[in-house]
């Protein structure tokens, strides 16, 4: 894994091996990570795949529907799923997904209630979810992920439906090196959502409202830091939401783009994103478009890998 380090003010940039990233930071820097563990959020009910988008409550989720096939086919090339109706029940192993709502924005966007067919307890529901579910995966990686493959070293509560993958570079060795350099690392939890489902109507709504929780000790560390570095776009959304609302926990619908005034986050480590993605739009709050275009040209020249399990960019 390699990282393109970009100085947005000067337009200077260079590529560094991920194993040496800790050397970029100094005492006074604060790295804030999203410690959400990744759920097995891909559920196959016969010829329909449900990809969980976000939790409404303990038993209710928003989900996107995909047609026959799996991750070997690009999401945008997957066949359309069959229509589902309110009240219909989809079976995934011993899980039952009852359709509560088909949203007007797209027939592929639904709200479902999950339950275990034979045991009404939450523990049975979660155990079966982990037994039958698979990690969300995209076509650029041909080998099937195990759930372990999509967890960061510091992962905790299972909130994310897609891996907060910017944190992949922070291995145990990297965290130890940061500690030796006197660089503080703090955590928050943000329910990172999906990058894409291949439906233009749904993709235009991403990121959807997502819940977050920022510990008081993390917010105190933000206040005293000389430079706040968000490890991932979900961390930017969470911290900037707190700066605007004063609420350390809740749900955020904040969208960040070129007109957004950053209030607390000074730098962001993220993946290599395509220009039409919401992740790339967020980067426009950190650098002029000319610098972003130059950074994309540099990633191509250096043959850096894109997508959520590729290389990274520190802006």
C-alpha atoms as a PDB file:
ATOM      1  CA  UNK A   1       0.000   0.000   0.000  1.00  0.00           C
ATOM      2  CA  UNK A   2       1.331   3.422  -1.020  1.00  0.00           C
ATOM      3  CA  UNK A   3       0.263   6.937  -0.074  1.00  0.00           C
ATOM      4  CA  UNK A   4       0.321  10.104  -2.152  1.00  0.00           C
ATOM      5  CA  UNK A   5       1.115  12.952   0.255  1.00  0.00           C
ATOM      6  CA  UNK A   6      -0.218  16.279  -1.040  1.00  0.00           C
ATOM      7  CA  UNK A   7       0.529  19.748   0.334  1.00  0.00           C
ATOM      8  CA  UNK A   8      -2.617  21.563  -0.819  1.00  0.00           C
ATOM      9  CA  UNK A   9      -1.198  25.021  -0.113  1.00  0.00           C
ATOM     10  CA  UNK A  10       1.971  24.526  -2.150  1.00  0.00           C
ATOM     11  CA  UNK A  11       0.684  21.992  -4.658  1.00  0.00           C
ATOM     12  CA  UNK A  12       3.690  19.790  -3.829  1.00  0.00           C
ATOM     13  CA  UNK A  13       3.226  16.024  -3.675  1.00  0.00           C
ATOM     14  CA  UNK A  14       5.182  12.804  -3.348  1.00  0.00           C
ATOM     15  CA  UNK A  15       4.494   9.096  -2.951  1.00  0.00           C
ATOM     16  CA  UNK A  16       5.575   7.282   0.203  1.00  0.00           C
ATOM     17  CA  UNK A  17       5.265   3.605   1.160  1.00  0.00           C
ATOM     18  CA  UNK A  18       2.412   3.024   3.561  1.00  0.00           C
ATOM     19  CA  UNK A  19       4.807   1.456   6.070  1.00  0.00           C
ATOM     20  CA  UNK A  20       6.595   4.816   6.325  1.00  0.00           C
ATOM     21  CA  UNK A  21       3.496   6.994   6.670  1.00  0.00           C
ATOM     22  CA  UNK A  22       4.013   7.547  10.412  1.00  0.00           C
ATOM     23  CA  UNK A  23       7.111   9.622   9.588  1.00  0.00           C
ATOM     24  CA  UNK A  24       4.898  12.268   7.970  1.00  0.00           C
ATOM     25  CA  UNK A  25       3.406  13.183  11.358  1.00  0.00           C
ATOM     26  CA  UNK A  26       4.888  14.939  14.387  1.00  0.00           C
ATOM     27  CA  UNK A  27       4.096  15.648  18.024  1.00  0.00           C
ATOM     28  CA  UNK A  28       1.091  17.967  18.105  1.00  0.00           C
ATOM     29  CA  UNK A  29      -0.691  16.119  15.327  1.00  0.00           C
ATOM     30  CA  UNK A  30      -3.876  14.259  16.210  1.00  0.00           C
ATOM     31  CA  UNK A  31      -5.005  11.354  14.039  1.00  0.00           C
ATOM     32  CA  UNK A  32      -8.702  10.546  14.473  1.00  0.00           C
ATOM     33  CA  UNK A  33      -9.809   7.104  13.299  1.00  0.00           C
ATOM     34  CA  UNK A  34     -13.208   5.525  12.762  1.00  0.00           C
ATOM     35  CA  UNK A  35     -13.222   2.394  14.909  1.00  0.00           C
ATOM     36  CA  UNK A  36     -16.453   0.974  13.450  1.00  0.00           C
ATOM     37  CA  UNK A  37     -16.092  -2.707  12.626  1.00  0.00           C
ATOM     38  CA  UNK A  38     -17.451  -3.863   9.266  1.00  0.00           C
ATOM     39  CA  UNK A  39     -20.660  -5.867   9.136  1.00  0.00           C
ATOM     40  CA  UNK A  40     -21.404  -8.756   6.767  1.00  0.00           C
ATOM     41  CA  UNK A  41     -23.850  -6.461   4.953  1.00  0.00           C
ATOM     42  CA  UNK A  42     -24.414  -8.447   1.743  1.00  0.00           C
ATOM     43  CA  UNK A  43     -27.362 -10.843   2.058  1.00  0.00           C
ATOM     44  CA  UNK A  44     -28.526 -13.160  -0.739  1.00  0.00           C
ATOM     45  CA  UNK A  45     -32.208 -14.114  -0.852  1.00  0.00           C
ATOM     46  CA  UNK A  46     -32.374 -16.372  -3.897  1.00  0.00           C
ATOM     47  CA  UNK A  47     -32.017 -14.189  -6.982  1.00  0.00           C
ATOM     48  CA  UNK A  48     -32.051 -10.936  -4.989  1.00  0.00           C
ATOM     49  CA  UNK A  49     -29.105  -9.456  -3.110  1.00  0.00           C
ATOM     50  CA  UNK A  50     -29.830  -7.064  -0.261  1.00  0.00           C
ATOM     51  CA  UNK A  51     -27.017  -4.677   0.648  1.00  0.00           C
ATOM     52  CA  UNK A  52     -27.605  -3.030   3.984  1.00  0.00           C
ATOM     53  CA  UNK A  53     -27.300   0.748   3.790  1.00  0.00           C
ATOM     54  CA  UNK A  54     -27.812   1.725   7.409  1.00  0.00           C
ATOM     55  CA  UNK A  55     -29.553   0.738  10.615  1.00  0.00           C
ATOM     56  CA  UNK A  56     -32.835   2.416  11.578  1.00  0.00           C
ATOM     57  CA  UNK A  57     -33.135   0.529  14.879  1.00  0.00           C
ATOM     58  CA  UNK A  58     -32.093  -2.854  16.305  1.00  0.00           C
ATOM     59  CA  UNK A  59     -34.290  -4.774  13.847  1.00  0.00           C
ATOM     60  CA  UNK A  60     -34.870  -2.338  10.987  1.00  0.00           C
ATOM     61  CA  UNK A  61     -32.512  -1.385   8.163  1.00  0.00           C
ATOM     62  CA  UNK A  62     -32.448   0.571   4.940  1.00  0.00           C
ATOM     63  CA  UNK A  63     -31.226  -1.658   2.119  1.00  0.00           C
ATOM     64  CA  UNK A  64     -30.560  -1.584  -1.615  1.00  0.00           C
ATOM     65  CA  UNK A  65     -31.606  -4.422  -3.914  1.00  0.00           C
ATOM     66  CA  UNK A  66     -29.374  -5.877  -6.617  1.00  0.00           C
ATOM     67  CA  UNK A  67     -30.301  -8.461  -9.220  1.00  0.00           C
ATOM     68  CA  UNK A  68     -28.858 -11.925  -9.879  1.00  0.00           C
ATOM     69  CA  UNK A  69     -25.106 -12.387  -9.631  1.00  0.00           C
ATOM     70  CA  UNK A  70     -22.381 -11.385  -7.224  1.00  0.00           C
ATOM     71  CA  UNK A  71     -19.422  -9.020  -6.846  1.00  0.00           C
ATOM     72  CA  UNK A  72     -17.628 -10.471  -9.883  1.00  0.00           C
ATOM     73  CA  UNK A  73     -19.943  -8.276 -11.978  1.00  0.00           C
ATOM     74  CA  UNK A  74     -19.678  -4.506 -11.551  1.00  0.00           C
ATOM     75  CA  UNK A  75     -22.593  -3.138  -9.554  1.00  0.00           C
ATOM     76  CA  UNK A  76     -23.673  -0.896 -12.439  1.00  0.00           C
ATOM     77  CA  UNK A  77     -23.724  -3.923 -14.769  1.00  0.00           C
ATOM     78  CA  UNK A  78     -25.779  -6.204 -12.541  1.00  0.00           C
ATOM     79  CA  UNK A  79     -29.256  -7.166 -13.839  1.00  0.00           C
ATOM     80  CA  UNK A  80     -32.146  -5.276 -12.287  1.00  0.00           C
ATOM     81  CA  UNK A  81     -33.698  -7.047  -9.309  1.00  0.00           C
ATOM     82  CA  UNK A  82     -37.280  -8.219  -9.487  1.00  0.00           C
ATOM     83  CA  UNK A  83     -39.842  -5.926  -7.940  1.00  0.00           C
ATOM     84  CA  UNK A  84     -40.683  -6.453  -4.263  1.00  0.00           C
ATOM     85  CA  UNK A  85     -43.823  -5.376  -2.438  1.00  0.00           C
ATOM     86  CA  UNK A  86     -44.508  -4.064   1.042  1.00  0.00           C
ATOM     87  CA  UNK A  87     -45.185  -7.032   3.288  1.00  0.00           C
ATOM     88  CA  UNK A  88     -43.153  -9.466   1.189  1.00  0.00           C
ATOM     89  CA  UNK A  89     -40.719 -11.658   3.109  1.00  0.00           C
ATOM     90  CA  UNK A  90     -37.294 -12.555   1.757  1.00  0.00           C
ATOM     91  CA  UNK A  91     -35.482 -15.538   3.256  1.00  0.00           C
ATOM     92  CA  UNK A  92     -31.719 -15.622   3.834  1.00  0.00           C
ATOM     93  CA  UNK A  93     -30.856 -18.827   5.706  1.00  0.00           C
ATOM     94  CA  UNK A  94     -32.855 -18.548   8.913  1.00  0.00           C
ATOM     95  CA  UNK A  95     -33.125 -14.769   8.555  1.00  0.00           C
ATOM     96  CA  UNK A  96     -36.391 -13.274   7.365  1.00  0.00           C
ATOM     97  CA  UNK A  97     -36.359  -9.792   5.811  1.00  0.00           C
ATOM     98  CA  UNK A  98     -39.857  -8.310   5.712  1.00  0.00           C
ATOM     99  CA  UNK A  99     -40.267  -5.344   3.356  1.00  0.00           C
ATOM    100  CA  UNK A 100     -41.714  -2.422   5.313  1.00  0.00           C
ATOM    101  CA  UNK A 101     -41.331   0.293   2.705  1.00  0.00           C
ATOM    102  CA  UNK A 102     -40.410   0.649  -0.954  1.00  0.00           C
ATOM    103  CA  UNK A 103     -39.065   4.166  -1.273  1.00  0.00           C
ATOM    104  CA  UNK A 104     -40.353   6.540  -3.968  1.00  0.00           C
ATOM    105  CA  UNK A 105     -36.840   7.521  -5.076  1.00  0.00           C
ATOM    106  CA  UNK A 106     -36.200   4.020  -6.443  1.00  0.00           C
ATOM    107  CA  UNK A 107     -37.957   0.626  -6.292  1.00  0.00           C
ATOM    108  CA  UNK A 108     -34.540  -0.754  -5.365  1.00  0.00           C
ATOM    109  CA  UNK A 109     -34.424   1.246  -2.115  1.00  0.00           C
ATOM    110  CA  UNK A 110     -36.321  -0.460   0.685  1.00  0.00           C
ATOM    111  CA  UNK A 111     -36.697  -0.517   4.437  1.00  0.00           C
ATOM    112  CA  UNK A 112     -36.693  -4.018   5.888  1.00  0.00           C
ATOM    113  CA  UNK A 113     -37.348  -5.589   9.271  1.00  0.00           C
ATOM    114  CA  UNK A 114     -34.981  -8.456  10.081  1.00  0.00           C
ATOM    115  CA  UNK A 115     -35.829 -11.370  12.361  1.00  0.00           C
ATOM    116  CA  UNK A 116     -34.753 -14.942  12.979  1.00  0.00           C
ATOM    117  CA  UNK A 117     -37.328 -17.416  11.716  1.00  0.00           C
ATOM    118  CA  UNK A 118     -37.251 -19.581  14.853  1.00  0.00           C
ATOM    119  CA  UNK A 119     -35.949 -17.366  17.653  1.00  0.00           C
ATOM    120  CA  UNK A 120     -37.136 -13.817  18.309  1.00  0.00           C
ATOM    121  CA  UNK A 121     -34.077 -12.784  20.335  1.00  0.00           C
ATOM    122  CA  UNK A 122     -31.624 -10.182  19.087  1.00  0.00           C
ATOM    123  CA  UNK A 123     -28.722 -12.518  19.796  1.00  0.00           C
ATOM    124  CA  UNK A 124     -30.179 -15.117  17.423  1.00  0.00           C
ATOM    125  CA  UNK A 125     -30.727 -12.451  14.767  1.00  0.00           C
ATOM    126  CA  UNK A 126     -27.140 -11.190  14.996  1.00  0.00           C
ATOM    127  CA  UNK A 127     -25.669 -14.691  15.089  1.00  0.00           C
ATOM    128  CA  UNK A 128     -27.532 -15.629  11.923  1.00  0.00           C
ATOM    129  CA  UNK A 129     -26.559 -12.358  10.232  1.00  0.00           C
ATOM    130  CA  UNK A 130     -22.906 -13.232  10.789  1.00  0.00           C
ATOM    131  CA  UNK A 131     -23.482 -16.803   9.597  1.00  0.00           C
ATOM    132  CA  UNK A 132     -25.238 -16.027   6.305  1.00  0.00           C
ATOM    133  CA  UNK A 133     -23.988 -12.537   5.465  1.00  0.00           C
ATOM    134  CA  UNK A 134     -20.929 -11.652   3.430  1.00  0.00           C
ATOM    135  CA  UNK A 135     -18.857  -8.467   3.303  1.00  0.00           C
ATOM    136  CA  UNK A 136     -19.865  -6.034   0.586  1.00  0.00           C
ATOM    137  CA  UNK A 137     -17.400  -6.400  -2.247  1.00  0.00           C
ATOM    138  CA  UNK A 138     -16.748  -4.832  -5.662  1.00  0.00           C
ATOM    139  CA  UNK A 139     -15.557  -6.326  -8.938  1.00  0.00           C
ATOM    140  CA  UNK A 140     -12.012  -4.929  -8.938  1.00  0.00           C
ATOM    141  CA  UNK A 141     -10.935  -7.532  -6.337  1.00  0.00           C
ATOM    142  CA  UNK A 142     -11.601 -11.012  -7.794  1.00  0.00           C
ATOM    143  CA  UNK A 143     -10.915 -13.046  -4.652  1.00  0.00           C
ATOM    144  CA  UNK A 144     -13.725 -13.347  -2.117  1.00  0.00           C
ATOM    145  CA  UNK A 145     -13.228 -11.347   1.069  1.00  0.00           C
ATOM    146  CA  UNK A 146     -13.372 -12.967   4.453  1.00  0.00           C
ATOM    147  CA  UNK A 147     -14.903 -10.742   7.117  1.00  0.00           C
ATOM    148  CA  UNK A 148     -11.454 -10.418   8.706  1.00  0.00           C
ATOM    149  CA  UNK A 149     -10.132  -8.884   5.473  1.00  0.00           C
ATOM    150  CA  UNK A 150     -12.334  -5.798   5.919  1.00  0.00           C
ATOM    151  CA  UNK A 151     -11.524  -4.944   9.542  1.00  0.00           C
ATOM    152  CA  UNK A 152      -9.089  -2.269  10.648  1.00  0.00           C
ATOM    153  CA  UNK A 153      -6.561  -3.057  13.371  1.00  0.00           C
ATOM    154  CA  UNK A 154      -8.505  -0.967  15.908  1.00  0.00           C
ATOM    155  CA  UNK A 155     -12.044  -2.034  14.877  1.00  0.00           C
ATOM    156  CA  UNK A 156     -14.620  -2.163  17.671  1.00  0.00           C
ATOM    157  CA  UNK A 157     -18.394  -1.944  17.444  1.00  0.00           C
ATOM    158  CA  UNK A 158     -20.010  -3.400  14.281  1.00  0.00           C
ATOM    159  CA  UNK A 159     -21.515  -0.245  12.779  1.00  0.00           C
ATOM    160  CA  UNK A 160     -20.090   0.038   9.249  1.00  0.00           C
ATOM    161  CA  UNK A 161     -21.708  -1.638   6.255  1.00  0.00           C
ATOM    162  CA  UNK A 162     -18.577  -0.978   4.214  1.00  0.00           C
ATOM    163  CA  UNK A 163     -15.032  -0.911   5.547  1.00  0.00           C
ATOM    164  CA  UNK A 164     -13.694   2.515   6.622  1.00  0.00           C
ATOM    165  CA  UNK A 165     -10.781   1.522   4.441  1.00  0.00           C
ATOM    166  CA  UNK A 166      -8.566   4.588   4.848  1.00  0.00           C
ATOM    167  CA  UNK A 167      -7.497   3.044   8.152  1.00  0.00           C
ATOM    168  CA  UNK A 168      -5.933   0.002   6.486  1.00  0.00           C
ATOM    169  CA  UNK A 169      -2.549   1.743   6.456  1.00  0.00           C
ATOM    170  CA  UNK A 170      -2.592   2.091  10.263  1.00  0.00           C
ATOM    171  CA  UNK A 171      -1.337  -1.366  11.131  1.00  0.00           C
ATOM    172  CA  UNK A 172      -0.254  -2.303  14.646  1.00  0.00           C
ATOM    173  CA  UNK A 173       3.336  -1.470  13.668  1.00  0.00           C
ATOM    174  CA  UNK A 174       2.268   1.937  12.310  1.00  0.00           C
ATOM    175  CA  UNK A 175       0.322   2.709  15.478  1.00  0.00           C
ATOM    176  CA  UNK A 176       3.349   1.783  17.571  1.00  0.00           C
ATOM    177  CA  UNK A 177       5.574   4.082  15.484  1.00  0.00           C
ATOM    178  CA  UNK A 178       3.094   6.946  15.887  1.00  0.00           C
ATOM    179  CA  UNK A 179       3.194   6.441  19.646  1.00  0.00           C
ATOM    180  CA  UNK A 180       7.014   6.525  19.602  1.00  0.00           C
ATOM    181  CA  UNK A 181       6.882   9.816  17.717  1.00  0.00           C
ATOM    182  CA  UNK A 182       4.491  11.296  20.270  1.00  0.00           C
ATOM    183  CA  UNK A 183       1.609  11.483  17.784  1.00  0.00           C
ATOM    184  CA  UNK A 184      -1.774  11.115  19.460  1.00  0.00           C
ATOM    185  CA  UNK A 185      -4.437   8.808  18.009  1.00  0.00           C
ATOM    186  CA  UNK A 186      -8.093   9.150  19.044  1.00  0.00           C
ATOM    187  CA  UNK A 187     -11.212   7.252  18.022  1.00  0.00           C
ATOM    188  CA  UNK A 188     -14.798   7.872  17.097  1.00  0.00           C
ATOM    189  CA  UNK A 189     -17.455   5.569  15.691  1.00  0.00           C
ATOM    190  CA  UNK A 190     -19.261   6.352  12.454  1.00  0.00           C
ATOM    191  CA  UNK A 191     -21.601   4.009  10.564  1.00  0.00           C
ATOM    192  CA  UNK A 192     -19.785   4.188   7.237  1.00  0.00           C
ATOM    193  CA  UNK A 193     -22.158   3.497   4.345  1.00  0.00           C
ATOM    194  CA  UNK A 194     -21.828   2.092   0.843  1.00  0.00           C
ATOM    195  CA  UNK A 195     -19.804   3.673  -1.953  1.00  0.00           C
ATOM    196  CA  UNK A 196     -22.228   2.660  -4.712  1.00  0.00           C
ATOM    197  CA  UNK A 197     -25.098   0.296  -5.495  1.00  0.00           C
ATOM    198  CA  UNK A 198     -25.194   0.824  -9.263  1.00  0.00           C
ATOM    199  CA  UNK A 199     -28.555   2.625  -9.237  1.00  0.00           C
ATOM    200  CA  UNK A 200     -28.158   6.289 -10.279  1.00  0.00           C
ATOM    201  CA  UNK A 201     -31.129   7.405  -8.163  1.00  0.00           C
ATOM    202  CA  UNK A 202     -29.772   5.758  -5.006  1.00  0.00           C
ATOM    203  CA  UNK A 203     -26.140   6.644  -5.698  1.00  0.00           C
ATOM    204  CA  UNK A 204     -27.153  10.306  -5.975  1.00  0.00           C
ATOM    205  CA  UNK A 205     -28.466  10.059  -2.396  1.00  0.00           C
ATOM    206  CA  UNK A 206     -25.179   8.765  -0.995  1.00  0.00           C
ATOM    207  CA  UNK A 207     -23.962   9.267   1.608  1.00  0.00           C
ATOM    208  CA  UNK A 208     -27.281   8.803   3.366  1.00  0.00           C
ATOM    209  CA  UNK A 209     -27.786   9.950   6.959  1.00  0.00           C
ATOM    210  CA  UNK A 210     -25.388   7.963   9.143  1.00  0.00           C
ATOM    211  CA  UNK A 211     -25.097   7.704  12.903  1.00  0.00           C
ATOM    212  CA  UNK A 212     -21.947   8.684  14.757  1.00  0.00           C
ATOM    213  CA  UNK A 213     -20.587   8.899  18.284  1.00  0.00           C
ATOM    214  CA  UNK A 214     -17.595  11.002  19.337  1.00  0.00           C
ATOM    215  CA  UNK A 215     -16.224  10.318  22.852  1.00  0.00           C
ATOM    216  CA  UNK A 216     -15.686  13.398  25.020  1.00  0.00           C
ATOM    217  CA  UNK A 217     -11.993  12.557  25.332  1.00  0.00           C
ATOM    218  CA  UNK A 218     -11.689  12.596  21.527  1.00  0.00           C
ATOM    219  CA  UNK A 219     -13.390  15.979  21.243  1.00  0.00           C
ATOM    220  CA  UNK A 220     -11.102  17.329  23.974  1.00  0.00           C
ATOM    221  CA  UNK A 221      -8.095  16.029  22.029  1.00  0.00           C
ATOM    222  CA  UNK A 222      -9.396  17.796  18.907  1.00  0.00           C
ATOM    223  CA  UNK A 223      -9.598  21.066  20.837  1.00  0.00           C
ATOM    224  CA  UNK A 224      -5.964  20.941  21.971  1.00  0.00           C
ATOM    225  CA  UNK A 225      -4.362  19.508  18.807  1.00  0.00           C
ATOM    226  CA  UNK A 226      -2.167  21.623  16.565  1.00  0.00           C
ATOM    227  CA  UNK A 227      -3.334  19.716  13.492  1.00  0.00           C
ATOM    228  CA  UNK A 228      -6.337  17.356  13.207  1.00  0.00           C
ATOM    229  CA  UNK A 229      -5.974  14.589  10.640  1.00  0.00           C
ATOM    230  CA  UNK A 230      -9.114  12.636   9.759  1.00  0.00           C
ATOM    231  CA  UNK A 231      -8.418   9.033   8.799  1.00  0.00           C
ATOM    232  CA  UNK A 232     -11.205   8.638   6.270  1.00  0.00           C
ATOM    233  CA  UNK A 233     -14.057  10.734   4.958  1.00  0.00           C
ATOM    234  CA  UNK A 234     -16.452   9.338   7.574  1.00  0.00           C
ATOM    235  CA  UNK A 235     -14.286  10.924  10.295  1.00  0.00           C
ATOM    236  CA  UNK A 236     -14.484  14.286   8.496  1.00  0.00           C
ATOM    237  CA  UNK A 237     -18.274  14.081   8.432  1.00  0.00           C
ATOM    238  CA  UNK A 238     -18.506  13.141  12.099  1.00  0.00           C
ATOM    239  CA  UNK A 239     -16.122  15.818  13.414  1.00  0.00           C
ATOM    240  CA  UNK A 240     -17.488  18.590  11.228  1.00  0.00           C
ATOM    241  CA  UNK A 241     -21.018  17.608  12.299  1.00  0.00           C
ATOM    242  CA  UNK A 242     -20.095  17.985  15.962  1.00  0.00           C
ATOM    243  CA  UNK A 243     -18.507  21.366  15.203  1.00  0.00           C
ATOM    244  CA  UNK A 244     -21.794  22.533  13.697  1.00  0.00           C
ATOM    245  CA  UNK A 245     -24.342  21.007  16.066  1.00  0.00           C
ATOM    246  CA  UNK A 246     -22.494  20.593  19.355  1.00  0.00           C
ATOM    247  CA  UNK A 247     -23.878  17.058  19.574  1.00  0.00           C
ATOM    248  CA  UNK A 248     -21.317  14.345  20.283  1.00  0.00           C
ATOM    249  CA  UNK A 249     -23.689  11.593  19.144  1.00  0.00           C
ATOM    250  CA  UNK A 250     -26.543  11.380  16.703  1.00  0.00           C
ATOM    251  CA  UNK A 251     -27.141  11.064  12.985  1.00  0.00           C
ATOM    252  CA  UNK A 252     -25.536  13.289  10.374  1.00  0.00           C
ATOM    253  CA  UNK A 253     -26.742  14.218   6.909  1.00  0.00           C
ATOM    254  CA  UNK A 254     -23.854  16.640   6.382  1.00  0.00           C
ATOM    255  CA  UNK A 255     -22.491  16.704   2.862  1.00  0.00           C
ATOM    256  CA  UNK A 256     -19.089  18.276   2.387  1.00  0.00           C
ATOM    257  CA  UNK A 257     -17.904  19.868  -0.831  1.00  0.00           C
ATOM    258  CA  UNK A 258     -16.047  22.838  -2.324  1.00  0.00           C
ATOM    259  CA  UNK A 259     -18.240  25.413  -0.559  1.00  0.00           C
ATOM    260  CA  UNK A 260     -17.914  23.799   2.868  1.00  0.00           C
ATOM    261  CA  UNK A 261     -15.958  25.732   5.477  1.00  0.00           C
ATOM    262  CA  UNK A 262     -13.932  23.266   7.522  1.00  0.00           C
ATOM    263  CA  UNK A 263     -14.094  24.098  11.212  1.00  0.00           C
ATOM    264  CA  UNK A 264     -11.915  21.466  12.884  1.00  0.00           C
ATOM    265  CA  UNK A 265     -10.333  19.065  10.368  1.00  0.00           C
ATOM    266  CA  UNK A 266      -7.020  20.161   8.821  1.00  0.00           C
ATOM    267  CA  UNK A 267      -6.094  17.114   6.743  1.00  0.00           C
ATOM    268  CA  UNK A 268      -7.658  13.899   5.490  1.00  0.00           C
ATOM    269  CA  UNK A 269      -6.285  10.488   4.590  1.00  0.00           C
ATOM    270  CA  UNK A 270      -8.541   8.725   2.101  1.00  0.00           C
ATOM    271  CA  UNK A 271      -8.505   6.422  -0.895  1.00  0.00           C
ATOM    272  CA  UNK A 272      -7.863   7.288  -4.515  1.00  0.00           C
ATOM    273  CA  UNK A 273     -11.320   8.381  -5.697  1.00  0.00           C
ATOM    274  CA  UNK A 274     -12.892   8.985  -9.095  1.00  0.00           C
ATOM    275  CA  UNK A 275     -13.944  12.554  -9.863  1.00  0.00           C
ATOM    276  CA  UNK A 276     -17.681  11.788  -9.908  1.00  0.00           C
ATOM    277  CA  UNK A 277     -17.714  10.227  -6.446  1.00  0.00           C
ATOM    278  CA  UNK A 278     -19.001  11.930  -3.285  1.00  0.00           C
ATOM    279  CA  UNK A 279     -15.642  11.138  -1.670  1.00  0.00           C
ATOM    280  CA  UNK A 280     -13.877  13.231  -4.307  1.00  0.00           C
ATOM    281  CA  UNK A 281     -16.398  16.058  -3.801  1.00  0.00           C
ATOM    282  CA  UNK A 282     -15.470  16.095  -0.122  1.00  0.00           C
ATOM    283  CA  UNK A 283     -11.799  16.594  -0.995  1.00  0.00           C
ATOM    284  CA  UNK A 284     -12.720  19.878  -2.672  1.00  0.00           C
ATOM    285  CA  UNK A 285     -13.143  21.304   0.826  1.00  0.00           C
ATOM    286  CA  UNK A 286      -9.410  20.687   1.375  1.00  0.00           C
ATOM    287  CA  UNK A 287      -7.805  21.800  -1.886  1.00  0.00           C
ATOM    288  CA  UNK A 288      -8.521  23.750  -5.087  1.00  0.00           C
ATOM    289  CA  UNK A 289      -9.687  21.723  -8.067  1.00  0.00           C
ATOM    290  CA  UNK A 290      -6.385  22.333  -9.851  1.00  0.00           C
ATOM    291  CA  UNK A 291      -4.493  20.637  -7.013  1.00  0.00           C
ATOM    292  CA  UNK A 292      -6.958  17.748  -6.960  1.00  0.00           C
ATOM    293  CA  UNK A 293      -6.625  17.266 -10.707  1.00  0.00           C
ATOM    294  CA  UNK A 294      -2.838  17.314 -10.382  1.00  0.00           C
ATOM    295  CA  UNK A 295      -3.029  14.725  -7.596  1.00  0.00           C
ATOM    296  CA  UNK A 296      -5.160  12.450  -9.787  1.00  0.00           C
ATOM    297  CA  UNK A 297      -2.646  12.805 -12.603  1.00  0.00           C
ATOM    298  CA  UNK A 298       0.116  11.883 -10.135  1.00  0.00           C
ATOM    299  CA  UNK A 299      -1.775   8.796  -8.950  1.00  0.00           C
ATOM    300  CA  UNK A 300      -2.075   7.665 -12.568  1.00  0.00           C
ATOM    301  CA  UNK A 301       1.586   8.380 -13.256  1.00  0.00           C
ATOM    302  CA  UNK A 302       2.646   6.472 -10.134  1.00  0.00           C
ATOM    303  CA  UNK A 303       0.184   3.659 -10.943  1.00  0.00           C
ATOM    304  CA  UNK A 304      -1.585   3.951  -7.612  1.00  0.00           C
ATOM    305  CA  UNK A 305      -4.627   1.719  -7.167  1.00  0.00           C
ATOM    306  CA  UNK A 306      -8.081   3.220  -6.745  1.00  0.00           C
ATOM    307  CA  UNK A 307     -11.254   1.964  -5.047  1.00  0.00           C
ATOM    308  CA  UNK A 308     -11.799   1.221  -1.402  1.00  0.00           C
ATOM    309  CA  UNK A 309      -9.064  -1.427  -1.045  1.00  0.00           C
ATOM    310  CA  UNK A 310      -6.431   0.362  -3.099  1.00  0.00           C
ATOM    311  CA  UNK A 311      -3.790   2.941  -2.293  1.00  0.00           C
ATOM    312  CA  UNK A 312      -4.337   6.190  -0.396  1.00  0.00           C
ATOM    313  CA  UNK A 313      -3.951   9.954  -0.507  1.00  0.00           C
ATOM    314  CA  UNK A 314      -3.098  12.285   2.387  1.00  0.00           C
ATOM    315  CA  UNK A 315      -4.327  15.769   1.605  1.00  0.00           C
END
